[in-house]
Structures are given as C-alpha cells and as structure tokens.
N, C-alpha and C. Protein backbone atom coordinates (compact mmCIF):
# COMPACT_ATOMS: atom_id res chain seq x y z
N MET A 1 -67.58 48.42 -36.33
CA MET A 1 -66.29 48.53 -35.60
C MET A 1 -65.18 48.85 -36.65
N ASP A 2 -65.31 48.39 -37.83
CA ASP A 2 -64.25 48.63 -38.81
C ASP A 2 -64.10 50.14 -39.15
N ARG A 3 -65.18 50.92 -38.87
CA ARG A 3 -65.11 52.26 -39.11
C ARG A 3 -64.24 52.97 -38.17
N TYR A 4 -64.06 52.49 -36.95
CA TYR A 4 -63.26 53.20 -35.97
C TYR A 4 -61.91 52.52 -35.77
N LYS A 5 -60.89 53.18 -35.84
CA LYS A 5 -59.57 52.58 -35.59
C LYS A 5 -58.81 53.51 -34.73
N PRO A 6 -57.81 53.01 -33.92
CA PRO A 6 -57.02 53.89 -33.13
C PRO A 6 -56.24 54.96 -33.93
N LYS A 7 -56.06 56.06 -33.41
CA LYS A 7 -55.26 57.05 -34.10
C LYS A 7 -53.89 56.58 -34.35
N SER A 8 -53.22 57.08 -35.40
CA SER A 8 -51.84 56.64 -35.86
C SER A 8 -50.85 56.94 -34.75
N ILE A 9 -51.05 57.81 -33.79
CA ILE A 9 -50.12 58.12 -32.79
C ILE A 9 -50.13 56.94 -31.72
N ILE A 10 -51.19 56.16 -31.64
CA ILE A 10 -51.25 55.06 -30.66
C ILE A 10 -50.43 53.90 -31.16
N LYS A 11 -49.29 53.62 -30.50
CA LYS A 11 -48.38 52.60 -30.97
C LYS A 11 -48.28 51.43 -30.03
N ARG A 12 -48.62 51.67 -28.73
CA ARG A 12 -48.48 50.59 -27.68
C ARG A 12 -49.60 49.55 -27.80
N LYS A 13 -49.28 48.31 -27.67
CA LYS A 13 -50.26 47.21 -27.76
C LYS A 13 -51.38 47.41 -26.69
N ALA A 14 -50.97 47.63 -25.53
CA ALA A 14 -52.02 47.90 -24.41
C ALA A 14 -53.05 48.95 -24.75
N ALA A 15 -52.63 50.01 -25.41
CA ALA A 15 -53.50 51.05 -25.69
C ALA A 15 -54.40 50.70 -26.93
N LYS A 16 -53.81 49.93 -27.92
CA LYS A 16 -54.57 49.47 -29.07
C LYS A 16 -55.63 48.42 -28.54
N ASP A 17 -55.24 47.54 -27.62
CA ASP A 17 -56.19 46.60 -27.14
C ASP A 17 -57.33 47.29 -26.33
N MET A 18 -56.88 48.31 -25.59
CA MET A 18 -58.01 49.11 -24.85
C MET A 18 -58.99 49.73 -25.85
N PHE A 19 -58.41 50.24 -26.91
CA PHE A 19 -59.34 50.84 -27.91
C PHE A 19 -60.35 49.85 -28.35
N GLN A 20 -59.93 48.58 -28.75
CA GLN A 20 -60.80 47.57 -29.31
C GLN A 20 -61.82 47.16 -28.25
N ILE A 21 -61.45 47.04 -26.98
CA ILE A 21 -62.30 46.70 -25.86
C ILE A 21 -63.37 47.80 -25.66
N LEU A 22 -63.03 49.03 -25.65
CA LEU A 22 -63.93 50.11 -25.45
C LEU A 22 -64.96 50.18 -26.57
N VAL A 23 -64.46 50.03 -27.77
CA VAL A 23 -65.30 50.07 -28.95
C VAL A 23 -66.42 48.98 -28.89
N GLN A 24 -65.97 47.76 -28.53
CA GLN A 24 -66.76 46.58 -28.44
C GLN A 24 -67.82 46.86 -27.35
N GLU A 25 -67.41 47.33 -26.20
CA GLU A 25 -68.38 47.60 -25.05
C GLU A 25 -69.37 48.66 -25.47
N LEU A 26 -68.87 49.76 -26.09
CA LEU A 26 -69.84 50.80 -26.47
C LEU A 26 -70.83 50.36 -27.61
N GLN A 27 -70.38 49.38 -28.47
CA GLN A 27 -71.31 48.80 -29.44
C GLN A 27 -72.39 47.96 -28.76
N LYS A 28 -71.99 47.23 -27.77
CA LYS A 28 -72.97 46.37 -27.00
C LYS A 28 -74.13 47.19 -26.46
N CYS A 29 -73.80 48.38 -25.97
CA CYS A 29 -74.89 49.23 -25.36
C CYS A 29 -75.37 50.26 -26.31
N ASP A 30 -75.09 50.11 -27.58
CA ASP A 30 -75.51 50.99 -28.62
C ASP A 30 -75.05 52.46 -28.36
N ALA A 31 -73.93 52.78 -27.88
CA ALA A 31 -73.51 54.05 -27.52
C ALA A 31 -72.29 54.42 -28.36
N LEU A 32 -72.00 53.70 -29.37
CA LEU A 32 -70.80 54.01 -30.19
C LEU A 32 -71.19 55.07 -31.22
N ASN A 33 -70.56 56.19 -31.18
CA ASN A 33 -70.73 57.21 -32.13
C ASN A 33 -69.61 58.15 -32.23
N ASP A 34 -69.55 59.14 -33.10
CA ASP A 34 -68.41 60.07 -33.25
C ASP A 34 -68.10 60.76 -31.90
N ARG A 35 -69.12 61.07 -31.12
CA ARG A 35 -68.90 61.82 -29.91
C ARG A 35 -68.19 60.91 -28.86
N THR A 36 -68.68 59.68 -28.69
CA THR A 36 -68.05 58.83 -27.73
C THR A 36 -66.69 58.32 -28.25
N ILE A 37 -66.45 58.26 -29.46
CA ILE A 37 -65.10 57.83 -29.96
C ILE A 37 -64.10 58.76 -29.56
N MET A 38 -64.43 60.09 -29.48
CA MET A 38 -63.44 61.21 -28.97
C MET A 38 -63.02 60.86 -27.56
N LEU A 39 -63.96 60.44 -26.67
CA LEU A 39 -63.46 60.04 -25.37
C LEU A 39 -62.68 58.80 -25.28
N VAL A 40 -62.98 57.87 -26.20
CA VAL A 40 -62.17 56.62 -26.25
C VAL A 40 -60.80 56.93 -26.77
N ASP A 41 -60.68 57.83 -27.72
CA ASP A 41 -59.34 58.28 -28.17
C ASP A 41 -58.56 58.91 -27.06
N ASN A 42 -59.12 59.71 -26.25
CA ASN A 42 -58.49 60.36 -25.09
C ASN A 42 -58.10 59.24 -24.05
N MET A 43 -58.92 58.33 -23.90
CA MET A 43 -58.66 57.26 -22.92
C MET A 43 -57.48 56.40 -23.30
N VAL A 44 -57.43 56.08 -24.67
CA VAL A 44 -56.38 55.17 -25.01
C VAL A 44 -55.05 56.00 -25.13
N LEU A 45 -55.05 57.41 -25.39
CA LEU A 45 -53.92 58.12 -25.40
C LEU A 45 -53.35 58.23 -23.96
N LEU A 46 -54.23 58.36 -23.02
CA LEU A 46 -53.85 58.32 -21.57
C LEU A 46 -53.17 57.01 -21.22
N GLU A 47 -53.79 55.83 -21.84
CA GLU A 47 -53.18 54.50 -21.52
C GLU A 47 -51.79 54.50 -22.05
N GLN A 48 -51.53 54.98 -23.25
CA GLN A 48 -50.24 55.03 -23.82
C GLN A 48 -49.23 55.80 -22.90
N ILE A 49 -49.74 56.94 -22.40
CA ILE A 49 -48.84 57.78 -21.55
C ILE A 49 -48.56 57.00 -20.26
N LYS A 50 -49.74 56.37 -19.69
CA LYS A 50 -49.56 55.62 -18.47
C LYS A 50 -48.49 54.48 -18.62
N GLN A 51 -48.51 53.80 -19.73
CA GLN A 51 -47.56 52.68 -20.03
C GLN A 51 -46.07 53.32 -20.01
N GLY A 52 -45.89 54.43 -20.58
CA GLY A 52 -44.51 55.05 -20.65
C GLY A 52 -44.08 55.41 -19.24
N LEU A 53 -45.11 55.90 -18.43
CA LEU A 53 -44.62 56.29 -17.10
C LEU A 53 -44.30 55.02 -16.27
N LEU A 54 -44.98 53.93 -16.46
CA LEU A 54 -44.72 52.70 -15.82
C LEU A 54 -43.43 52.08 -16.24
N ASP A 55 -43.07 52.21 -17.56
CA ASP A 55 -41.73 51.88 -17.94
C ASP A 55 -40.64 52.65 -17.29
N ASP A 56 -40.90 53.96 -17.04
CA ASP A 56 -40.00 54.84 -16.36
C ASP A 56 -39.76 54.34 -15.00
N LEU A 57 -40.85 53.95 -14.29
CA LEU A 57 -40.80 53.47 -12.88
C LEU A 57 -40.07 52.18 -12.83
N LYS A 58 -40.22 51.23 -13.82
CA LYS A 58 -39.47 49.96 -13.90
C LYS A 58 -38.00 50.27 -14.03
N GLU A 59 -37.67 51.25 -14.84
CA GLU A 59 -36.32 51.54 -15.16
C GLU A 59 -35.63 52.24 -14.01
N ARG A 60 -36.24 53.31 -13.50
CA ARG A 60 -35.54 54.14 -12.44
C ARG A 60 -36.03 53.89 -10.99
N GLY A 61 -37.10 53.22 -10.88
CA GLY A 61 -37.59 52.94 -9.52
C GLY A 61 -38.53 54.02 -9.00
N ILE A 62 -39.07 53.81 -7.73
CA ILE A 62 -39.86 54.81 -7.18
C ILE A 62 -39.22 56.07 -6.78
N VAL A 63 -38.00 55.83 -6.17
CA VAL A 63 -37.12 56.93 -5.90
C VAL A 63 -35.84 56.97 -6.74
N GLU A 64 -35.36 58.18 -6.97
CA GLU A 64 -34.25 58.23 -7.86
C GLU A 64 -33.07 59.04 -7.15
N LEU A 65 -31.88 58.79 -7.57
CA LEU A 65 -30.85 59.52 -6.95
C LEU A 65 -30.72 60.88 -7.77
N PHE A 66 -30.68 61.98 -6.98
CA PHE A 66 -30.69 63.35 -7.56
C PHE A 66 -29.36 63.91 -7.16
N ILE A 67 -28.55 64.42 -8.17
CA ILE A 67 -27.29 64.94 -7.88
C ILE A 67 -27.33 66.43 -8.41
N ASN A 68 -27.03 67.35 -7.50
CA ASN A 68 -27.01 68.84 -7.78
C ASN A 68 -25.69 69.28 -7.29
N GLY A 69 -24.67 69.36 -8.15
CA GLY A 69 -23.43 69.79 -7.77
C GLY A 69 -22.83 68.76 -6.80
N SER A 70 -22.49 69.21 -5.64
CA SER A 70 -21.87 68.32 -4.56
C SER A 70 -23.00 67.68 -3.72
N GLN A 71 -24.26 68.08 -3.90
CA GLN A 71 -25.33 67.48 -3.18
C GLN A 71 -25.85 66.16 -3.81
N GLU A 72 -26.05 65.25 -3.03
CA GLU A 72 -26.62 63.93 -3.50
C GLU A 72 -27.70 63.60 -2.55
N MET A 73 -28.90 63.34 -3.17
CA MET A 73 -30.04 62.90 -2.36
C MET A 73 -31.02 62.10 -3.18
N TYR A 74 -31.82 61.36 -2.45
CA TYR A 74 -32.89 60.57 -3.18
C TYR A 74 -34.24 61.43 -3.10
N ARG A 75 -34.93 61.34 -4.23
CA ARG A 75 -36.19 61.99 -4.31
C ARG A 75 -37.20 61.10 -4.96
N ASP A 76 -38.43 61.29 -4.80
CA ASP A 76 -39.44 60.62 -5.47
C ASP A 76 -39.35 60.77 -6.93
N ASN A 77 -39.64 59.67 -7.65
CA ASN A 77 -39.74 59.65 -9.03
C ASN A 77 -41.05 60.32 -9.45
N LYS A 78 -41.11 61.42 -10.17
CA LYS A 78 -42.29 62.14 -10.42
C LYS A 78 -43.25 61.24 -11.32
N SER A 79 -42.78 60.22 -11.87
CA SER A 79 -43.67 59.39 -12.76
C SER A 79 -44.67 58.76 -11.82
N ALA A 80 -44.39 58.48 -10.54
CA ALA A 80 -45.38 57.76 -9.70
C ALA A 80 -46.60 58.64 -9.51
N ASP A 81 -46.44 59.84 -9.24
CA ASP A 81 -47.54 60.81 -9.08
C ASP A 81 -48.37 61.03 -10.34
N LYS A 82 -47.57 61.04 -11.45
CA LYS A 82 -48.23 61.20 -12.83
C LYS A 82 -49.09 60.01 -13.16
N VAL A 83 -48.69 58.83 -12.79
CA VAL A 83 -49.44 57.61 -13.05
C VAL A 83 -50.79 57.70 -12.31
N LEU A 84 -50.73 58.16 -11.11
CA LEU A 84 -51.96 58.26 -10.37
C LEU A 84 -52.94 59.22 -10.97
N LYS A 85 -52.42 60.30 -11.55
CA LYS A 85 -53.24 61.35 -12.10
C LYS A 85 -53.86 60.78 -13.40
N VAL A 86 -53.08 60.08 -14.17
CA VAL A 86 -53.55 59.49 -15.44
C VAL A 86 -54.64 58.53 -15.14
N VAL A 87 -54.49 57.64 -14.14
CA VAL A 87 -55.44 56.67 -13.81
C VAL A 87 -56.77 57.34 -13.40
N GLU A 88 -56.70 58.44 -12.74
CA GLU A 88 -57.87 59.18 -12.25
C GLU A 88 -58.61 59.75 -13.49
N GLN A 89 -57.88 60.28 -14.36
CA GLN A 89 -58.47 60.81 -15.60
C GLN A 89 -59.21 59.72 -16.43
N GLN A 90 -58.52 58.54 -16.43
CA GLN A 90 -59.11 57.37 -17.18
C GLN A 90 -60.31 57.03 -16.49
N ARG A 91 -60.43 57.03 -15.11
CA ARG A 91 -61.68 56.61 -14.44
C ARG A 91 -62.72 57.61 -14.74
N LYS A 92 -62.44 58.90 -14.85
CA LYS A 92 -63.43 59.91 -15.07
C LYS A 92 -64.06 59.61 -16.51
N LEU A 93 -63.14 59.38 -17.52
CA LEU A 93 -63.59 59.15 -18.80
C LEU A 93 -64.41 57.85 -18.97
N GLN A 94 -64.07 56.90 -18.18
CA GLN A 94 -64.73 55.56 -18.12
C GLN A 94 -66.15 55.84 -17.57
N ALA A 95 -66.27 56.69 -16.56
CA ALA A 95 -67.61 56.95 -16.01
C ALA A 95 -68.45 57.74 -16.95
N GLU A 96 -67.77 58.71 -17.67
CA GLU A 96 -68.50 59.44 -18.70
C GLU A 96 -69.02 58.63 -19.78
N LEU A 97 -68.24 57.59 -20.17
CA LEU A 97 -68.76 56.70 -21.16
C LEU A 97 -69.76 55.66 -20.62
N ARG A 98 -69.95 55.69 -19.34
CA ARG A 98 -70.88 54.81 -18.62
C ARG A 98 -70.43 53.35 -18.78
N LEU A 99 -69.12 53.18 -18.57
CA LEU A 99 -68.51 51.87 -18.64
C LEU A 99 -67.95 51.45 -17.31
N SER A 100 -68.26 52.23 -16.31
CA SER A 100 -67.65 51.79 -14.96
C SER A 100 -68.62 50.89 -14.30
N PRO A 101 -68.10 50.10 -13.34
CA PRO A 101 -69.06 49.35 -12.66
C PRO A 101 -70.16 50.07 -11.90
N ALA A 102 -69.87 51.19 -11.46
CA ALA A 102 -70.93 52.04 -10.80
C ALA A 102 -72.01 52.49 -11.72
N SER A 103 -71.73 52.62 -13.04
CA SER A 103 -72.69 53.06 -13.95
C SER A 103 -73.38 51.83 -14.68
N ASP A 104 -73.06 50.70 -14.33
CA ASP A 104 -73.55 49.45 -14.99
C ASP A 104 -75.13 49.40 -14.64
N LYS A 105 -75.90 49.52 -15.73
CA LYS A 105 -77.40 49.44 -15.46
C LYS A 105 -77.84 48.14 -14.75
N GLN A 106 -77.23 47.00 -15.03
CA GLN A 106 -77.62 45.72 -14.52
C GLN A 106 -77.53 45.74 -12.99
N ILE A 107 -76.37 46.40 -12.44
CA ILE A 107 -76.26 46.48 -11.03
C ILE A 107 -77.23 47.37 -10.46
N SER A 108 -77.57 48.46 -11.01
CA SER A 108 -78.45 49.41 -10.36
C SER A 108 -79.89 48.89 -10.44
N GLU A 109 -80.24 48.17 -11.49
CA GLU A 109 -81.56 47.50 -11.60
C GLU A 109 -81.72 46.36 -10.63
N ALA A 110 -80.60 45.66 -10.38
CA ALA A 110 -80.73 44.44 -9.53
C ALA A 110 -81.10 44.80 -8.11
N VAL A 111 -80.64 45.94 -7.60
CA VAL A 111 -80.91 46.42 -6.15
C VAL A 111 -82.02 47.49 -6.33
N THR A 112 -83.20 47.06 -5.83
CA THR A 112 -84.21 48.09 -5.85
C THR A 112 -84.35 48.77 -4.58
N MET A 113 -85.03 49.83 -4.53
CA MET A 113 -85.24 50.63 -3.21
C MET A 113 -85.90 49.77 -2.24
N ASP A 114 -86.83 48.98 -2.64
CA ASP A 114 -87.61 48.07 -1.58
C ASP A 114 -86.71 47.11 -0.89
N GLU A 115 -85.87 46.42 -1.58
CA GLU A 115 -84.85 45.56 -0.92
C GLU A 115 -83.96 46.47 0.02
N PHE A 116 -83.59 47.54 -0.32
CA PHE A 116 -82.78 48.45 0.59
C PHE A 116 -83.57 48.83 1.86
N GLU A 117 -84.84 49.12 1.73
CA GLU A 117 -85.58 49.51 2.83
C GLU A 117 -85.84 48.32 3.76
N GLU A 118 -85.93 47.10 3.22
CA GLU A 118 -86.23 45.98 4.06
C GLU A 118 -85.00 45.64 5.01
N PHE A 119 -83.79 45.95 4.38
CA PHE A 119 -82.61 45.76 5.13
C PHE A 119 -82.58 46.60 6.37
C-alpha cells in the first residue's frame, strides 16, 4: 500500500480517505496493480469533484436566483444534475473494480441456482 498514494491534485479529505479504502479493498482481493490504480485515481478525482459540487449546493441551494437584465427567475442549480452524473460514473468504476455489492463473490456464491429453483 505504501507504493500507491493519491495524486497531488487530490486535496480533499473525503477523496484521500476513499483512495485508502479502495486500495485496502483491492489488496484484500489481490486485485491491486497499476491498471486498477488508474481506476482508483479516476474514482477519487470524481469524489473530489462531487464534494465541490455538494459545497456549491450547500452554498447556493438547489435553485438559484437568475437575473438577466430586468428578468428575474429561479432556475435549478446545475450542480444538482452534475452530482448525479458523478455518482453514476463512480458506480460504474466501482463495478469495474468489482467492489460493488452486486459483484461481491460471497453474495453470488451464497445463493446457488438450486435454492432459487426450490423457491
């Protein structure tokens, strides 16, 4: 684990913590290598972006006042949609790393086809 560290661009604690957790999980299943660390880097970069978007939502809210000349209206804060897209990308990377609950080998081995057929 000492060999792998988050990139210097990763500044947020949540992203650094995620890096450590992902590295530990990949070590447990003997899947930590240079190829998977690229996916981990992408995932923690997305986490850092997500945290920035969440900060924007806390600061400005879900809707924001938009003023265009004499027109004033409320519109959706675009950060809300972007957060959802970032979360979806993280989910895809998590699945690719086989660290999602659906890809957990223990779960798939626990439910055999015979048990399903009996039901």
